[in-house]
Amino acid sequence: MQIIRTVGALRAIVRDWRAAGESVALVPTMGALHAGHMALVAAARLRADHVVASIFVNPTQFGPNEDLVAYPRREAADAAMLDTGGVDVLWAPDVGAMYPDGYASNLSVAGVSETLCGAARPGHFDGVATVVAKLLNQVQPDVALFGEKDWQQLAVIRRMVADMDFAVEVISVPTQREDDGLALSSRNAYLDDEQRAAARAMPRALGEAAAAIARGDEVAGVLAAAERRLIDAGFASVDYVALSDAESLVPVAVVGDRPMRLLAAARLGTTRLIDNVAVVVVG
């Protein structure tokens, strides 16, 4: 596996692959890799001749009081995992390579980015859309793979790719979970033992709420009960528990026939956890 740090060197490698008629997959990450990231790599290997994984802790998607400085950085360990996983190129630019002196552009995706985490983290999805657009332009992959744990991020990226006419297929990979159901996340490392035990309430609350909605229970009551369960389990606060259209993320008050997603964000101490599940209504 090659570790590349300049756009010119990256494009030269991809250009050679293209000249040979070979396809390219991109797996964007911020590092601190876990089995969820490696599931993206495994899926990428099935879909392209070559896999580029990126590691870049993107400062523009962190708010002023968020964990940019504390976010775990362990490039050597991450690189070893990617190498073992069959990645061809680790694209690991520094901030100067991504946002050089004079950089003045920003990409904003209206609508789908404005609710849920977008409301709780103003500007976050502008940073996500901008950095993903840059990565897609730099690598120019045939496919790009993203996890379903951050469903809103996935929706924002899909909207941006469609609106900007990027010639790439966005592929989602199901959320990878611990044995007790907790979604894998780099931020799980922030949890102490007591918080980690409480965290399992999030997937359980979402699973129970999804089942209740699927059997016809009133949506508002189900959402309120799920929020109460999180607080009772020890979460310090709940940003939202919401039922939304899976594509537009418009809130759903009455169940219809479009795909739906049940999403939650809540805090244990200073750690903000997110998760989501599909809601499938039979009949």
Protein backbone atom coordinates (compact mmCIF):
# COMPACT_ATOMS: atom_id res chain seq x y z
CA MET A 1 0.00 0.00 0.00
CA GLN A 2 1.28 3.44 -0.91
CA ILE A 3 0.75 6.42 1.40
CA ILE A 4 0.22 9.56 -0.67
CA ARG A 5 0.11 13.14 0.61
CA THR A 6 -0.10 15.38 -2.47
CA VAL A 7 -2.91 15.74 -5.00
CA GLY A 8 -0.47 15.52 -7.91
CA ALA A 9 0.94 12.19 -6.79
CA LEU A 10 -2.54 10.82 -6.15
CA ARG A 11 -3.81 11.81 -9.58
CA ALA A 12 -0.77 10.28 -11.28
CA ILE A 13 -1.52 6.90 -9.70
CA VAL A 14 -5.21 7.05 -10.58
CA ARG A 15 -4.34 8.15 -14.12
CA ASP A 16 -2.22 5.03 -14.60
CA TRP A 17 -5.05 2.83 -13.35
CA ARG A 18 -7.45 4.51 -15.73
CA ALA A 19 -5.04 4.06 -18.65
CA ALA A 20 -5.08 0.34 -17.91
CA GLY A 21 -8.91 0.32 -17.94
CA GLU A 22 -9.15 -0.38 -14.21
CA SER A 23 -11.85 0.85 -11.83
CA VAL A 24 -11.43 2.75 -8.56
CA ALA A 25 -13.32 2.79 -5.26
CA LEU A 26 -13.00 5.46 -2.55
CA VAL A 27 -13.52 4.90 1.18
CA PRO A 28 -13.38 8.30 2.95
CA THR A 29 -12.56 8.22 6.68
CA MET A 30 -11.30 10.44 9.47
CA GLY A 31 -9.11 7.65 10.83
CA ALA A 32 -9.39 5.96 14.24
CA LEU A 33 -10.48 2.95 12.25
CA HIS A 34 -12.59 0.07 13.52
CA ALA A 35 -14.46 -2.90 12.05
CA GLY A 36 -17.08 -0.61 10.58
CA HIS A 37 -14.50 1.10 8.40
CA MET A 38 -13.03 -2.23 7.40
CA ALA A 39 -16.48 -3.39 6.28
CA LEU A 40 -16.44 -0.44 3.87
CA VAL A 41 -13.02 -1.53 2.61
CA ALA A 42 -14.20 -5.10 2.12
CA ALA A 43 -17.24 -3.91 0.17
CA ALA A 44 -15.03 -1.62 -1.92
CA ARG A 45 -12.73 -4.48 -2.88
CA LEU A 46 -15.73 -6.36 -4.28
CA ARG A 47 -16.71 -3.43 -6.49
CA ALA A 48 -13.50 -2.09 -8.00
CA ASP A 49 -10.05 -3.10 -9.16
CA HIS A 50 -8.36 -0.62 -6.84
CA VAL A 51 -9.29 0.90 -3.47
CA VAL A 52 -8.24 4.33 -2.21
CA ALA A 53 -8.94 5.03 1.46
CA SER A 54 -8.57 8.54 2.78
CA ILE A 55 -7.72 9.67 6.28
CA PHE A 56 -8.35 13.33 6.96
CA VAL A 57 -9.69 14.85 10.17
CA ASN A 58 -11.63 17.63 8.51
CA PRO A 59 -11.60 20.81 10.62
CA THR A 60 -14.46 22.45 8.72
CA GLN A 61 -17.03 19.94 9.99
CA PHE A 62 -16.25 20.54 13.67
CA GLY A 63 -17.94 23.30 15.63
CA PRO A 64 -16.06 25.66 17.98
CA ASN A 65 -16.90 23.62 21.09
CA GLU A 66 -16.50 20.16 19.55
CA ASP A 67 -13.72 17.57 19.72
CA LEU A 68 -11.42 18.50 16.83
CA VAL A 69 -8.32 18.64 19.05
CA ALA A 70 -9.26 15.52 21.02
CA TYR A 71 -10.38 13.44 18.03
CA PRO A 72 -8.17 10.31 17.99
CA ARG A 73 -5.35 10.30 15.47
CA ARG A 74 -3.34 7.11 14.95
CA GLU A 75 -2.20 7.03 11.37
CA ALA A 76 0.38 4.25 11.75
CA ALA A 77 -2.10 1.80 13.27
CA ASP A 78 -4.78 2.80 10.76
CA ALA A 79 -2.38 2.37 7.85
CA ALA A 80 -1.53 -1.13 9.03
CA MET A 81 -5.22 -2.05 9.14
CA LEU A 82 -5.83 -0.66 5.66
CA ASP A 83 -2.79 -2.44 4.26
CA THR A 84 -3.95 -5.74 5.73
CA GLY A 85 -7.44 -5.06 4.37
CA GLY A 86 -6.17 -4.78 0.81
CA VAL A 87 -6.22 -1.02 0.23
CA ASP A 88 -3.98 0.09 -2.63
CA VAL A 89 -3.50 3.75 -1.68
CA LEU A 90 -3.91 5.62 1.59
CA TRP A 91 -4.65 9.24 0.71
CA ALA A 92 -3.50 11.14 3.80
CA PRO A 93 -3.29 14.87 3.06
CA ASP A 94 -2.63 17.47 5.72
CA VAL A 95 -4.80 20.53 6.24
CA GLY A 96 -2.55 22.63 4.00
CA ALA A 97 -3.04 20.23 1.10
CA MET A 98 -6.83 20.26 1.46
CA TYR A 99 -7.29 23.93 2.34
CA PRO A 100 -4.23 25.83 1.07
CA ASP A 101 -3.63 29.52 1.72
CA GLY A 102 -6.33 31.56 0.03
CA TYR A 103 -8.94 28.79 0.08
CA ALA A 104 -12.34 30.49 0.02
CA SER A 105 -14.99 28.02 -1.20
CA ASN A 106 -17.77 26.22 0.64
CA LEU A 107 -20.48 23.82 -0.50
CA SER A 108 -23.88 23.87 1.17
CA VAL A 109 -26.70 21.36 0.61
CA ALA A 110 -30.06 22.86 1.52
CA GLY A 111 -33.00 20.99 2.98
CA VAL A 112 -31.66 17.58 3.89
CA SER A 113 -28.79 19.09 5.92
CA GLU A 114 -30.88 21.50 7.99
CA THR A 115 -32.73 19.23 10.44
CA LEU A 116 -31.63 16.66 13.03
CA CYS A 117 -27.82 16.87 13.41
CA GLY A 118 -27.79 19.89 11.10
CA ALA A 119 -29.90 21.83 13.59
CA ALA A 120 -27.76 20.70 16.54
CA ARG A 121 -24.43 21.28 14.75
CA PRO A 122 -24.72 24.39 12.55
CA GLY A 123 -22.32 24.31 9.61
CA HIS A 124 -21.36 20.67 10.15
CA PHE A 125 -22.82 19.38 6.91
CA ASP A 126 -21.38 22.28 4.91
CA GLY A 127 -17.98 20.99 6.03
CA VAL A 128 -18.93 17.40 5.20
CA ALA A 129 -20.25 18.27 1.74
CA THR A 130 -17.23 20.41 0.93
CA VAL A 131 -14.61 17.86 1.95
CA VAL A 132 -16.41 14.95 0.27
CA ALA A 133 -16.73 16.97 -2.94
CA LYS A 134 -12.99 17.66 -2.81
CA LEU A 135 -12.19 13.98 -2.19
CA LEU A 136 -14.39 12.92 -5.09
CA ASN A 137 -12.72 15.46 -7.35
CA GLN A 138 -9.25 14.41 -6.23
CA VAL A 139 -9.74 10.65 -6.59
CA GLN A 140 -12.48 10.61 -9.26
CA PRO A 141 -13.64 7.13 -8.22
CA ASP A 142 -16.23 4.96 -9.90
CA VAL A 143 -17.80 4.17 -6.53
CA ALA A 144 -17.60 5.75 -3.08
CA LEU A 145 -18.67 3.88 0.04
CA PHE A 146 -20.20 5.30 3.21
CA GLY A 147 -21.63 3.69 6.32
CA GLU A 148 -25.30 3.90 7.24
CA LYS A 149 -24.61 4.82 10.88
CA ASP A 150 -24.65 8.50 9.96
CA TRP A 151 -27.76 8.32 7.81
CA GLN A 152 -28.11 12.07 7.49
CA GLN A 153 -24.53 12.40 6.25
CA LEU A 154 -25.29 9.71 3.67
CA ALA A 155 -28.43 11.60 2.57
CA VAL A 156 -26.49 14.87 2.27
CA ILE A 157 -23.79 13.22 0.18
CA ARG A 158 -26.31 11.55 -2.11
CA ARG A 159 -28.08 14.86 -2.68
CA MET A 160 -24.79 16.68 -3.31
CA VAL A 161 -23.57 14.03 -5.76
CA ALA A 162 -26.83 14.18 -7.70
CA ASP A 163 -26.96 17.99 -7.72
CA MET A 164 -23.32 18.46 -8.74
CA ASP A 165 -23.38 15.73 -11.43
CA PHE A 166 -20.50 13.75 -9.96
CA ALA A 167 -19.90 10.63 -12.06
CA VAL A 168 -19.75 8.33 -9.05
CA GLU A 169 -22.03 5.71 -7.54
CA VAL A 170 -22.62 6.25 -3.83
CA ILE A 171 -22.90 2.90 -2.05
CA SER A 172 -24.12 2.53 1.53
CA VAL A 173 -22.93 -0.23 3.84
CA PRO A 174 -25.03 -1.36 6.81
CA THR A 175 -24.03 -0.23 10.29
CA GLN A 176 -21.61 -2.55 12.05
CA ARG A 177 -22.46 -3.22 15.70
CA GLU A 178 -21.03 -4.56 18.93
CA ASP A 179 -22.52 -7.78 20.34
CA ASP A 180 -24.95 -5.74 22.47
CA GLY A 181 -26.12 -3.70 19.49
CA LEU A 182 -24.16 -0.48 19.99
CA ALA A 183 -23.15 1.00 16.65
CA LEU A 184 -19.40 1.02 16.12
CA SER A 185 -17.99 4.54 16.31
CA SER A 186 -14.56 6.06 16.85
CA ARG A 187 -16.15 8.20 19.59
CA ASN A 188 -17.11 5.11 21.61
CA ALA A 189 -13.53 5.25 22.91
CA TYR A 190 -14.51 8.36 24.91
CA LEU A 191 -17.02 6.37 27.04
CA ASP A 192 -16.13 5.18 30.52
CA ASP A 193 -17.40 1.79 31.72
CA GLU A 194 -20.63 3.19 33.19
CA GLN A 195 -21.38 5.21 30.06
CA ARG A 196 -20.59 2.26 27.83
CA ALA A 197 -23.11 0.15 29.72
CA ALA A 198 -25.74 2.89 29.35
CA ALA A 199 -25.02 3.31 25.63
CA ARG A 200 -26.62 -0.02 24.76
CA ALA A 201 -29.98 1.61 25.53
CA MET A 202 -29.83 3.56 22.26
CA PRO A 203 -30.06 0.64 19.81
CA ARG A 204 -32.56 -1.08 22.08
CA ALA A 205 -34.79 1.98 22.29
CA LEU A 206 -34.64 2.45 18.52
CA GLY A 207 -35.40 -1.20 17.85
CA GLU A 208 -38.40 -1.19 20.16
CA ALA A 209 -39.68 2.09 18.73
CA ALA A 210 -39.31 0.88 15.15
CA ALA A 211 -41.28 -2.27 15.98
CA ALA A 212 -44.01 -0.20 17.67
CA ILE A 213 -44.35 2.12 14.69
CA ALA A 214 -44.40 -0.84 12.31
CA ARG A 215 -47.32 -2.39 14.19
CA GLY A 216 -49.29 0.85 14.01
CA ASP A 217 -48.68 2.64 17.30
CA GLU A 218 -49.06 6.43 17.25
CA VAL A 219 -45.77 7.97 16.12
CA ALA A 220 -45.53 10.91 18.53
CA GLY A 221 -46.12 8.69 21.55
CA VAL A 222 -43.54 6.15 20.41
CA LEU A 223 -40.89 8.84 19.90
CA ALA A 224 -41.56 10.36 23.32
CA ALA A 225 -41.29 6.94 24.96
CA ALA A 226 -37.97 6.25 23.23
CA GLU A 227 -36.60 9.58 24.42
CA ARG A 228 -37.68 8.83 27.99
CA ARG A 229 -35.97 5.46 27.83
CA LEU A 230 -32.67 7.09 26.88
CA ILE A 231 -32.90 9.57 29.76
CA ASP A 232 -33.85 6.78 32.19
CA ALA A 233 -30.83 4.76 30.99
CA GLY A 234 -28.46 7.58 31.94
CA PHE A 235 -28.12 9.76 28.86
CA ALA A 236 -27.53 13.34 29.94
CA SER A 237 -29.61 14.85 27.14
CA VAL A 238 -31.37 13.87 23.92
CA ASP A 239 -30.98 16.04 20.83
CA TYR A 240 -33.70 14.16 18.98
CA VAL A 241 -35.52 10.92 18.39
CA ALA A 242 -37.23 11.34 15.02
CA LEU A 243 -39.03 9.43 12.32
CA SER A 244 -38.09 10.78 8.91
CA ASP A 245 -38.47 10.06 5.23
CA ALA A 246 -35.39 7.98 4.38
CA GLU A 247 -34.41 10.15 1.40
CA SER A 248 -35.52 13.71 2.14
CA LEU A 249 -35.41 13.42 5.97
CA VAL A 250 -38.72 15.30 6.13
CA PRO A 251 -40.41 14.39 9.46
CA VAL A 252 -43.04 11.67 9.26
CA ALA A 253 -46.03 12.05 11.56
CA VAL A 254 -48.28 9.49 9.90
CA VAL A 255 -46.85 6.29 8.47
CA GLY A 256 -47.14 5.98 4.70
CA ASP A 257 -45.67 3.76 2.01
CA ARG A 258 -42.31 5.55 1.52
CA PRO A 259 -39.13 4.19 3.14
CA MET A 260 -38.64 5.62 6.62
CA ARG A 261 -35.75 5.93 9.04
CA LEU A 262 -35.86 6.25 12.82
CA LEU A 263 -32.94 8.38 13.99
CA ALA A 264 -31.56 9.45 17.36
CA ALA A 265 -28.79 11.59 18.81
CA ALA A 266 -28.06 11.85 22.53
CA ARG A 267 -25.22 12.58 24.92
CA LEU A 268 -23.50 10.48 27.55
CA GLY A 269 -21.36 12.92 29.48
CA THR A 270 -19.66 14.97 26.79
CA THR A 271 -19.88 12.23 24.13
CA ARG A 272 -22.56 12.58 21.49
CA LEU A 273 -23.81 9.29 20.05
CA ILE A 274 -25.97 8.82 16.96
CA ASP A 275 -27.78 5.82 15.52
CA ASN A 276 -30.63 4.93 13.20
CA VAL A 277 -32.67 2.00 12.00
CA ALA A 278 -35.05 1.36 9.12
CA VAL A 279 -38.77 1.20 9.86
CA VAL A 280 -40.46 -1.48 7.78
CA VAL A 281 -44.24 -1.59 7.74
CA VAL A 282 -45.60 -4.92 6.50
CA GLY A 283 -48.97 -4.98 4.77
